[in-house]
């Protein structure tokens, strides 16, 4: 009886022990799975254990991977930004290449603009009517000076003859340059000088009278009259040439007038020196003539 009672108690105790073993089985996990009953609970425990473990492990790797992928994504982001930046750099070369191409194109018009101002002053351009009148007057002055100087060579004293030689040389040279300029600018024949105002007409009358009177003089009388004419005549031309330089349109004509002015100034100064000097000697062929 005692043995049966013990067996009954043992049989009743085994389920309690078996039910208690799953509680301990979590601590031993691996060995408890050896028994089928424990494997039953252990499987839920293992499933739940695997769940967290796999969750933790999966979380840790996944979070590791996801953070890594997270940084990787940002890392990929910078490359992409570098990608655009390289795009920008590619744009930069493009832009750099752009401006140079623009720069030459803008340089070409500027060169054209630089050449255009020189075009109006090209040689061979026909003189305007106003410039032609300036040329006509200057030609008339050259011819008048040469004519009077040749007369001085015949009727003046030695000092006046030397002055007359200078006048002839300088005005012949000036007239050659003037004639060449006129031909270069399509003026084949220099027209006659015509008075432009009442003052010009009066000057022309006075000159005609003076020349006629000069032809009647000899020696010292001729010298005095001739030198006085040279002083007043050159002073008038110096004033007129300043006006002509301002009014002239052609660049070549302006240059010729500028070169002529110092010559006229020397002639006027030399004539004043002769006015101040003692009267020329009468020992000249012109003075000895009856």
Protein backbone atom coordinates (compact mmCIF):
# COMPACT_ATOMS: atom_id res chain seq x y z
CA UNK A 1 0.00 0.00 0.00
CA UNK A 2 2.75 2.28 0.87
CA UNK A 3 4.46 1.42 -2.39
CA UNK A 4 1.34 2.13 -4.43
CA UNK A 5 0.76 5.29 -2.60
CA UNK A 6 4.34 6.32 -3.30
CA UNK A 7 3.95 5.42 -6.96
CA UNK A 8 0.80 7.45 -7.18
CA UNK A 9 2.49 10.36 -5.52
CA UNK A 10 5.46 9.99 -7.85
CA UNK A 11 3.18 9.84 -10.85
CA UNK A 12 1.43 12.96 -9.68
CA UNK A 13 4.73 14.61 -8.95
CA UNK A 14 6.19 13.96 -12.41
CA UNK A 15 3.85 16.38 -14.21
CA UNK A 16 4.62 19.00 -11.60
CA UNK A 17 8.31 18.38 -12.11
CA UNK A 18 7.81 18.42 -15.85
CA UNK A 19 5.89 21.65 -15.66
CA UNK A 20 8.54 23.08 -13.35
CA UNK A 21 11.34 22.07 -15.74
CA UNK A 22 10.25 24.47 -18.47
CA UNK A 23 10.80 27.27 -16.03
CA UNK A 24 14.29 26.09 -15.43
CA UNK A 25 14.73 25.18 -19.04
CA UNK A 26 14.95 28.85 -19.99
CA UNK A 27 18.07 29.06 -17.88
CA UNK A 28 19.58 26.00 -19.56
CA UNK A 29 17.83 26.57 -22.92
CA UNK A 30 19.96 24.07 -24.84
CA UNK A 31 19.71 20.96 -22.58
CA UNK A 32 16.04 21.37 -21.80
CA UNK A 33 15.28 21.06 -25.47
CA UNK A 34 16.56 17.53 -25.25
CA UNK A 35 13.24 16.30 -23.77
CA UNK A 36 10.19 16.41 -25.90
CA UNK A 37 8.00 18.08 -23.31
CA UNK A 38 10.62 20.70 -22.68
CA UNK A 39 11.12 21.10 -26.37
CA UNK A 40 7.47 21.91 -26.58
CA UNK A 41 7.77 24.81 -24.22
CA UNK A 42 11.27 25.47 -25.31
CA UNK A 43 10.10 25.83 -28.82
CA UNK A 44 7.81 28.64 -27.79
CA UNK A 45 10.56 29.95 -25.57
CA UNK A 46 13.03 29.44 -28.36
CA UNK A 47 10.64 31.03 -30.76
CA UNK A 48 10.17 33.88 -28.39
CA UNK A 49 13.88 33.81 -27.58
CA UNK A 50 14.75 33.74 -31.25
CA UNK A 51 12.25 36.42 -31.83
CA UNK A 52 13.96 38.85 -29.53
CA UNK A 53 17.38 37.53 -30.31
CA UNK A 54 16.78 37.57 -33.98
CA UNK A 55 15.03 40.84 -33.51
CA UNK A 56 17.96 42.15 -31.54
CA UNK A 57 20.46 40.55 -33.81
CA UNK A 58 18.47 41.49 -36.85
CA UNK A 59 17.96 44.91 -35.38
CA UNK A 60 21.58 45.34 -34.57
CA UNK A 61 22.79 44.25 -37.99
CA UNK A 62 19.89 45.80 -39.71
CA UNK A 63 20.31 48.98 -37.76
CA UNK A 64 24.00 48.55 -38.36
CA UNK A 65 23.31 48.11 -41.99
CA UNK A 66 20.58 50.68 -42.07
CA UNK A 67 22.75 53.24 -40.24
CA UNK A 68 25.58 52.16 -42.46
CA UNK A 69 23.27 52.42 -45.38
CA UNK A 70 22.03 55.64 -43.81
CA UNK A 71 25.54 57.11 -43.78
CA UNK A 72 26.09 55.42 -47.06
CA UNK A 73 23.10 57.25 -48.44
CA UNK A 74 24.43 60.57 -47.18
CA UNK A 75 27.83 59.48 -48.38
CA UNK A 76 26.22 58.77 -51.69
CA UNK A 77 24.60 62.16 -51.31
CA UNK A 78 27.93 64.03 -51.25
CA UNK A 79 29.15 62.15 -54.29
CA UNK A 80 25.96 63.19 -55.96
CA UNK A 81 26.67 66.72 -54.78
CA UNK A 82 30.17 66.26 -56.06
CA UNK A 83 28.51 65.00 -59.18
CA UNK A 84 26.68 68.29 -59.56
CA UNK A 85 29.79 70.04 -58.44
CA UNK A 86 31.64 68.29 -61.22
CA UNK A 87 28.70 69.36 -63.32
CA UNK A 88 29.35 72.84 -62.03
CA UNK A 89 33.01 72.41 -62.77
CA UNK A 90 32.05 71.20 -66.19
CA UNK A 91 29.86 74.24 -66.39
CA UNK A 92 32.75 76.32 -65.18
CA UNK A 93 34.94 75.18 -68.05
CA UNK A 94 31.98 75.67 -70.28
CA UNK A 95 31.51 79.14 -68.87
CA UNK A 96 35.23 79.79 -69.09
CA UNK A 97 35.29 78.60 -72.64
CA UNK A 98 32.16 80.68 -73.24
CA UNK A 99 33.61 84.05 -72.24
CA UNK A 100 36.80 83.53 -74.25
CA UNK A 101 34.72 82.83 -77.31
CA UNK A 102 32.71 85.96 -76.53
CA UNK A 103 35.87 87.92 -75.83
CA UNK A 104 37.37 87.40 -79.29
CA UNK A 105 34.06 88.20 -80.88
CA UNK A 106 33.89 91.48 -78.96
CA UNK A 107 37.56 92.13 -79.79
CA UNK A 108 36.84 91.91 -83.50
CA UNK A 109 34.27 94.75 -83.54
CA UNK A 110 36.56 96.88 -81.42
CA UNK A 111 39.33 96.38 -83.97
CA UNK A 112 36.88 97.36 -86.69
CA UNK A 113 35.91 100.44 -84.72
CA UNK A 114 39.58 101.31 -84.33
CA UNK A 115 40.11 101.18 -88.04
CA UNK A 116 36.98 103.14 -88.93
CA UNK A 117 38.22 106.53 -87.61
CA UNK A 118 41.27 106.34 -89.90
CA UNK A 119 39.10 105.73 -92.95
CA UNK A 120 37.86 109.33 -93.39
CA UNK A 121 41.43 110.64 -93.51
CA UNK A 122 42.51 108.26 -96.28
CA UNK A 123 44.54 109.85 -99.06
CA UNK A 124 42.88 110.52 -102.39
CA UNK A 125 39.63 111.81 -100.94
CA UNK A 126 38.37 114.79 -102.92
CA UNK A 127 38.76 118.15 -101.21
CA UNK A 128 35.63 120.01 -100.18
CA UNK A 129 34.84 123.36 -101.77
CA UNK A 130 35.94 125.19 -98.62
CA UNK A 131 39.28 123.35 -98.55
CA UNK A 132 39.77 123.99 -102.26
CA UNK A 133 39.38 127.73 -101.63
CA UNK A 134 42.07 127.54 -98.95
CA UNK A 135 44.38 125.80 -101.41
CA UNK A 136 43.60 128.42 -104.09
CA UNK A 137 44.46 131.31 -101.76
CA UNK A 138 47.70 129.71 -100.55
CA UNK A 139 48.72 129.03 -104.15
CA UNK A 140 48.04 132.68 -105.00
CA UNK A 141 50.22 133.83 -102.08
CA UNK A 142 53.09 131.56 -103.16
CA UNK A 143 52.95 132.87 -106.72
CA UNK A 144 52.77 136.51 -105.61
CA UNK A 145 55.73 136.11 -103.24
CA UNK A 146 57.82 134.48 -105.96
CA UNK A 147 56.95 137.23 -108.49
CA UNK A 148 57.87 140.05 -106.08
CA UNK A 149 61.08 138.30 -105.00
CA UNK A 150 62.20 137.97 -108.61
CA UNK A 151 61.60 141.66 -109.04
CA UNK A 152 63.67 142.31 -105.89
CA UNK A 153 66.54 140.31 -107.39
CA UNK A 154 66.65 142.82 -110.22
CA UNK A 155 65.94 146.09 -108.45
CA UNK A 156 66.98 145.65 -104.83
CA UNK A 157 70.26 145.90 -102.94
CA UNK A 158 72.46 142.95 -102.06
CA UNK A 159 70.86 142.31 -98.65
CA UNK A 160 67.38 142.43 -100.11
CA UNK A 161 68.46 140.12 -102.90
CA UNK A 162 69.60 137.56 -100.34
CA UNK A 163 66.25 137.83 -98.65
CA UNK A 164 64.51 137.48 -102.02
CA UNK A 165 66.46 134.29 -102.76
CA UNK A 166 65.17 132.75 -99.52
CA UNK A 167 61.62 133.82 -100.38
CA UNK A 168 61.81 132.18 -103.81
CA UNK A 169 63.27 128.92 -102.50
CA UNK A 170 60.76 128.55 -99.65
CA UNK A 171 57.63 129.49 -101.60
CA UNK A 172 58.54 127.34 -104.59
CA UNK A 173 58.94 124.38 -102.24
CA UNK A 174 55.65 125.21 -100.51
CA UNK A 175 53.84 125.47 -103.84
CA UNK A 176 55.18 122.10 -105.03
CA UNK A 177 53.84 120.46 -101.88
CA UNK A 178 50.52 122.26 -102.29
CA UNK A 179 50.17 121.22 -105.94
CA UNK A 180 50.97 117.60 -105.07
CA UNK A 181 48.36 117.63 -102.31
CA UNK A 182 45.76 119.06 -104.69
CA UNK A 183 46.43 116.32 -107.27
CA UNK A 184 46.31 113.61 -104.62
CA UNK A 185 42.89 114.92 -103.61
CA UNK A 186 41.43 115.05 -107.12
CA UNK A 187 42.07 118.73 -107.81
CA UNK A 188 43.92 118.55 -111.13
CA UNK A 189 44.15 122.31 -111.58
CA UNK A 190 44.15 124.74 -108.67
CA UNK A 191 41.48 127.36 -109.33
CA UNK A 192 42.11 131.10 -109.24
CA UNK A 193 41.85 132.79 -105.86
CA UNK A 194 38.72 134.91 -105.60
CA UNK A 195 38.07 137.49 -102.87
CA UNK A 196 35.57 136.17 -100.34
CA UNK A 197 34.68 139.49 -98.69
CA UNK A 198 34.86 143.26 -99.14
CA UNK A 199 38.06 143.31 -97.09
CA UNK A 200 39.61 140.75 -99.43
CA UNK A 201 38.62 142.82 -102.45
CA UNK A 202 40.14 145.94 -100.90
CA UNK A 203 43.38 144.09 -100.12
CA UNK A 204 43.55 142.92 -103.71
CA UNK A 205 43.22 146.51 -104.99
CA UNK A 206 45.87 147.77 -102.58
CA UNK A 207 48.27 145.01 -103.63
CA UNK A 208 47.79 145.84 -107.30
CA UNK A 209 48.63 149.49 -106.62
CA UNK A 210 51.70 148.57 -104.52
CA UNK A 211 53.09 146.20 -107.13
CA UNK A 212 52.66 148.79 -109.87
CA UNK A 213 54.47 151.39 -107.75
CA UNK A 214 57.24 148.95 -106.78
CA UNK A 215 58.15 148.47 -110.41
CA UNK A 216 59.09 152.16 -110.63
CA UNK A 217 61.53 152.07 -107.69
CA UNK A 218 65.23 151.19 -107.48
CA UNK A 219 67.89 150.65 -104.86
CA UNK A 220 67.14 151.88 -101.35
CA UNK A 221 63.69 153.14 -102.29
CA UNK A 222 62.82 149.76 -103.67
CA UNK A 223 64.22 148.03 -100.57
CA UNK A 224 62.10 150.14 -98.24
CA UNK A 225 58.88 149.63 -100.17
CA UNK A 226 59.48 145.96 -100.73
CA UNK A 227 60.40 145.21 -97.11
CA UNK A 228 57.35 147.11 -95.86
CA UNK A 229 55.19 145.01 -98.14
CA UNK A 230 56.82 141.81 -96.85
CA UNK A 231 56.17 142.72 -93.21
CA UNK A 232 52.51 143.69 -93.65
CA UNK A 233 51.80 140.93 -96.15
CA UNK A 234 53.26 138.13 -94.01
CA UNK A 235 51.50 139.42 -90.89
CA UNK A 236 48.16 139.22 -92.71
CA UNK A 237 48.90 135.72 -93.97
CA UNK A 238 49.92 134.51 -90.50
CA UNK A 239 46.53 135.63 -89.18
CA UNK A 240 44.73 134.05 -92.12
CA UNK A 241 46.58 130.75 -91.89
CA UNK A 242 45.43 130.34 -88.28
CA UNK A 243 41.85 130.71 -89.48
CA UNK A 244 42.47 128.28 -92.34
CA UNK A 245 43.93 125.63 -90.01
CA UNK A 246 40.77 125.79 -87.90
CA UNK A 247 38.43 125.72 -90.91
CA UNK A 248 40.19 123.02 -92.94
CA UNK A 249 38.47 119.62 -93.01
CA UNK A 250 41.16 117.53 -94.67
CA UNK A 251 43.88 116.20 -92.36
CA UNK A 252 46.60 116.49 -95.03
CA UNK A 253 45.71 120.11 -95.68
CA UNK A 254 45.82 120.87 -91.96
CA UNK A 255 49.30 119.33 -91.75
CA UNK A 256 50.52 121.37 -94.72
CA UNK A 257 49.19 124.60 -93.21
CA UNK A 258 50.87 123.80 -89.90
CA UNK A 259 54.17 123.25 -91.71
CA UNK A 260 53.77 126.48 -93.69
CA UNK A 261 53.14 128.78 -90.73
CA UNK A 262 56.71 128.68 -89.28
CA UNK A 263 58.10 129.49 -92.73
CA UNK A 264 55.88 132.56 -93.00
CA UNK A 265 56.90 133.58 -89.47
CA UNK A 266 60.61 133.41 -90.39
CA UNK A 267 59.96 135.56 -93.45
CA UNK A 268 58.15 138.18 -91.37
CA UNK A 269 60.92 138.22 -88.73
CA UNK A 270 63.66 138.55 -91.35
CA UNK A 271 61.79 141.43 -93.01
CA UNK A 272 61.59 143.27 -89.65
CA UNK A 273 65.31 142.80 -89.16
CA UNK A 274 65.90 144.43 -92.55
CA UNK A 275 63.61 147.32 -91.56
CA UNK A 276 65.75 147.98 -88.46
CA UNK A 277 69.08 147.69 -90.26
CA UNK A 278 70.84 150.71 -91.82
CA UNK A 279 69.76 151.59 -95.29
CA UNK A 280 71.20 149.20 -97.84
CA UNK A 281 74.05 150.54 -99.90
CA UNK A 282 73.22 151.97 -103.24
CA UNK A 283 76.14 150.09 -104.76
CA UNK A 284 73.96 147.66 -106.67
CA UNK A 285 73.31 147.16 -110.35
CA UNK A 286 69.70 148.09 -109.81
CA UNK A 287 70.65 151.40 -108.17
CA UNK A 288 73.09 152.35 -110.93
CA UNK A 289 70.43 152.06 -113.57
CA UNK A 290 69.14 155.45 -114.70
